[in-house]
Amino acid sequence: PHSLACVDKARKLLGYDPRFSMRQGLKEAVKWYWNNL
């Protein structure tokens, strides 16, 4: 699975720069939930 989201507008208007890919973000979220729930 992959994301088709375009962040160009957020990057231009808000200076947004994602630090993680969708896959890496989900892995980190799952790890956090397992360690904190």
PDB file of N, CA and C in Angstrom:
ATOM      1  N   PRO A   1       0.822  -1.196   0.000  1.00  0.00           N
ATOM      2  CA  PRO A   1       0.000   0.000   0.000  1.00  0.00           C
ATOM      3  C   PRO A   1       0.865   1.259   0.000  1.00  0.00           C
ATOM      4  N   HIS A   2       0.358   2.269  -0.597  1.00  0.00           N
ATOM      5  CA  HIS A   2       1.070   3.536  -0.636  1.00  0.00           C
ATOM      6  C   HIS A   2       0.070   4.679  -0.608  1.00  0.00           C
ATOM      7  N   SER A   3       0.569   5.843  -0.340  1.00  0.00           N
ATOM      8  CA  SER A   3      -0.282   7.023  -0.260  1.00  0.00           C
ATOM      9  C   SER A   3      -0.199   7.814  -1.557  1.00  0.00           C
ATOM     10  N   LEU A   4      -1.342   8.264  -2.036  1.00  0.00           N
ATOM     11  CA  LEU A   4      -1.380   9.115  -3.222  1.00  0.00           C
ATOM     12  C   LEU A   4      -1.583  10.573  -2.833  1.00  0.00           C
ATOM     13  N   ALA A   5      -1.496  10.837  -1.534  1.00  0.00           N
ATOM     14  CA  ALA A   5      -1.706  12.197  -1.051  1.00  0.00           C
ATOM     15  C   ALA A   5      -0.624  13.126  -1.589  1.00  0.00           C
ATOM     16  N   CYS A   6      -1.052  14.287  -2.025  1.00  0.00           N
ATOM     17  CA  CYS A   6      -0.123  15.295  -2.521  1.00  0.00           C
ATOM     18  C   CYS A   6       0.014  16.364  -1.438  1.00  0.00           C
ATOM     19  N   VAL A   7       1.229  16.567  -0.960  1.00  0.00           N
ATOM     20  CA  VAL A   7       1.450  17.544   0.104  1.00  0.00           C
ATOM     21  C   VAL A   7       2.044  18.837  -0.429  1.00  0.00           C
ATOM     22  N   ASP A   8       2.046  19.008  -1.747  1.00  0.00           N
ATOM     23  CA  ASP A   8       2.648  20.202  -2.347  1.00  0.00           C
ATOM     24  C   ASP A   8       2.032  21.500  -1.824  1.00  0.00           C
ATOM     25  N   LYS A   9       0.703  21.550  -1.725  1.00  0.00           N
ATOM     26  CA  LYS A   9       0.045  22.773  -1.263  1.00  0.00           C
ATOM     27  C   LYS A   9       0.398  23.052   0.201  1.00  0.00           C
ATOM     28  N   ALA A  10       0.374  22.025   1.037  1.00  0.00           N
ATOM     29  CA  ALA A  10       0.743  22.207   2.445  1.00  0.00           C
ATOM     30  C   ALA A  10       2.206  22.611   2.570  1.00  0.00           C
ATOM     31  N   ARG A  11       3.039  22.065   1.718  1.00  0.00           N
ATOM     32  CA  ARG A  11       4.463  22.413   1.742  1.00  0.00           C
ATOM     33  C   ARG A  11       4.652  23.892   1.394  1.00  0.00           C
ATOM     34  N   LYS A  12       3.944  24.355   0.357  1.00  0.00           N
ATOM     35  CA  LYS A  12       4.077  25.752  -0.082  1.00  0.00           C
ATOM     36  C   LYS A  12       3.479  26.734   0.917  1.00  0.00           C
ATOM     37  N   LEU A  13       2.271  26.434   1.412  1.00  0.00           N
ATOM     38  CA  LEU A  13       1.565  27.374   2.280  1.00  0.00           C
ATOM     39  C   LEU A  13       2.016  27.321   3.735  1.00  0.00           C
ATOM     40  N   LEU A  14       2.345  26.128   4.210  1.00  0.00           N
ATOM     41  CA  LEU A  14       2.617  25.951   5.635  1.00  0.00           C
ATOM     42  C   LEU A  14       4.054  25.560   5.953  1.00  0.00           C
ATOM     43  N   GLY A  15       4.818  25.258   4.911  1.00  0.00           N
ATOM     44  CA  GLY A  15       6.178  24.794   5.149  1.00  0.00           C
ATOM     45  C   GLY A  15       6.218  23.360   5.644  1.00  0.00           C
ATOM     46  N   TYR A  16       5.137  22.620   5.393  1.00  0.00           N
ATOM     47  CA  TYR A  16       5.031  21.238   5.859  1.00  0.00           C
ATOM     48  C   TYR A  16       6.037  20.347   5.152  1.00  0.00           C
ATOM     49  N   ASP A  17       6.725  19.517   5.925  1.00  0.00           N
ATOM     50  CA  ASP A  17       7.678  18.567   5.356  1.00  0.00           C
ATOM     51  C   ASP A  17       7.586  17.269   6.150  1.00  0.00           C
ATOM     52  N   PRO A  18       6.874  16.267   5.623  1.00  0.00           N
ATOM     53  CA  PRO A  18       6.695  15.023   6.368  1.00  0.00           C
ATOM     54  C   PRO A  18       8.033  14.344   6.663  1.00  0.00           C
ATOM     55  N   ARG A  19       8.179  13.855   7.894  1.00  0.00           N
ATOM     56  CA  ARG A  19       9.421  13.198   8.298  1.00  0.00           C
ATOM     57  C   ARG A  19       9.393  11.702   8.046  1.00  0.00           C
ATOM     58  N   PHE A  20       8.198  11.122   7.933  1.00  0.00           N
ATOM     59  CA  PHE A  20       8.066   9.682   7.777  1.00  0.00           C
ATOM     60  C   PHE A  20       7.223   9.345   6.562  1.00  0.00           C
ATOM     61  N   SER A  21       7.519   8.214   5.940  1.00  0.00           N
ATOM     62  CA  SER A  21       6.633   7.685   4.903  1.00  0.00           C
ATOM     63  C   SER A  21       5.398   7.124   5.606  1.00  0.00           C
ATOM     64  N   MET A  22       4.364   6.856   4.856  1.00  0.00           N
ATOM     65  CA  MET A  22       3.148   6.289   5.425  1.00  0.00           C
ATOM     66  C   MET A  22       3.464   4.966   6.122  1.00  0.00           C
ATOM     67  N   ARG A  23       4.233   4.129   5.477  1.00  0.00           N
ATOM     68  CA  ARG A  23       4.588   2.820   6.043  1.00  0.00           C
ATOM     69  C   ARG A  23       5.345   2.986   7.359  1.00  0.00           C
ATOM     70  N   GLN A  24       6.356   3.843   7.365  1.00  0.00           N
ATOM     71  CA  GLN A  24       7.150   4.048   8.577  1.00  0.00           C
ATOM     72  C   GLN A  24       6.302   4.668   9.682  1.00  0.00           C
ATOM     73  N   GLY A  25       5.431   5.594   9.330  1.00  0.00           N
ATOM     74  CA  GLY A  25       4.554   6.206  10.325  1.00  0.00           C
ATOM     75  C   GLY A  25       3.636   5.194  10.981  1.00  0.00           C
ATOM     76  N   LEU A  26       3.076   4.291  10.191  1.00  0.00           N
ATOM     77  CA  LEU A  26       2.210   3.251  10.749  1.00  0.00           C
ATOM     78  C   LEU A  26       2.990   2.306  11.647  1.00  0.00           C
ATOM     79  N   LYS A  27       4.195   1.940  11.231  1.00  0.00           N
ATOM     80  CA  LYS A  27       5.029   1.065  12.060  1.00  0.00           C
ATOM     81  C   LYS A  27       5.320   1.716  13.407  1.00  0.00           C
ATOM     82  N   GLU A  28       5.656   3.003  13.377  1.00  0.00           N
ATOM     83  CA  GLU A  28       5.946   3.724  14.616  1.00  0.00           C
ATOM     84  C   GLU A  28       4.698   3.826  15.497  1.00  0.00           C
ATOM     85  N   ALA A  29       3.543   4.079  14.895  1.00  0.00           N
ATOM     86  CA  ALA A  29       2.299   4.193  15.660  1.00  0.00           C
ATOM     87  C   ALA A  29       1.943   2.865  16.320  1.00  0.00           C
ATOM     88  N   VAL A  30       2.053   1.778  15.582  1.00  0.00           N
ATOM     89  CA  VAL A  30       1.741   0.455  16.137  1.00  0.00           C
ATOM     90  C   VAL A  30       2.693   0.132  17.285  1.00  0.00           C
ATOM     91  N   LYS A  31       3.966   0.415  17.093  1.00  0.00           N
ATOM     92  CA  LYS A  31       4.950   0.169  18.148  1.00  0.00           C
ATOM     93  C   LYS A  31       4.598   0.975  19.401  1.00  0.00           C
ATOM     94  N   TRP A  32       4.232   2.239  19.218  1.00  0.00           N
ATOM     95  CA  TRP A  32       3.869   3.081  20.351  1.00  0.00           C
ATOM     96  C   TRP A  32       2.653   2.515  21.080  1.00  0.00           C
ATOM     97  N   TYR A  33       1.614   2.116  20.316  1.00  0.00           N
ATOM     98  CA  TYR A  33       0.408   1.577  20.944  1.00  0.00           C
ATOM     99  C   TYR A  33       0.714   0.315  21.734  1.00  0.00           C
ATOM    100  N   TRP A  34       1.499  -0.602  21.175  1.00  0.00           N
ATOM    101  CA  TRP A  34       1.843  -1.836  21.876  1.00  0.00           C
ATOM    102  C   TRP A  34       2.605  -1.540  23.164  1.00  0.00           C
ATOM    103  N   ASN A  35       3.433  -0.527  23.161  1.00  0.00           N
ATOM    104  CA  ASN A  35       4.227  -0.199  24.348  1.00  0.00           C
ATOM    105  C   ASN A  35       3.474   0.639  25.375  1.00  0.00           C
ATOM    106  N   ASN A  36       2.364   1.266  24.983  1.00  0.00           N
ATOM    107  CA  ASN A  36       1.687   2.197  25.879  1.00  0.00           C
ATOM    108  C   ASN A  36       0.250   1.836  26.230  1.00  0.00           C
ATOM    109  N   LEU A  37      -0.257   0.752  25.729  1.00  0.00           N
ATOM    110  CA  LEU A  37      -1.641   0.377  26.063  1.00  0.00           C
ATOM    111  C   LEU A  37      -1.680  -0.832  26.961  1.00  0.00           C
TER     112      LEU A  37
END
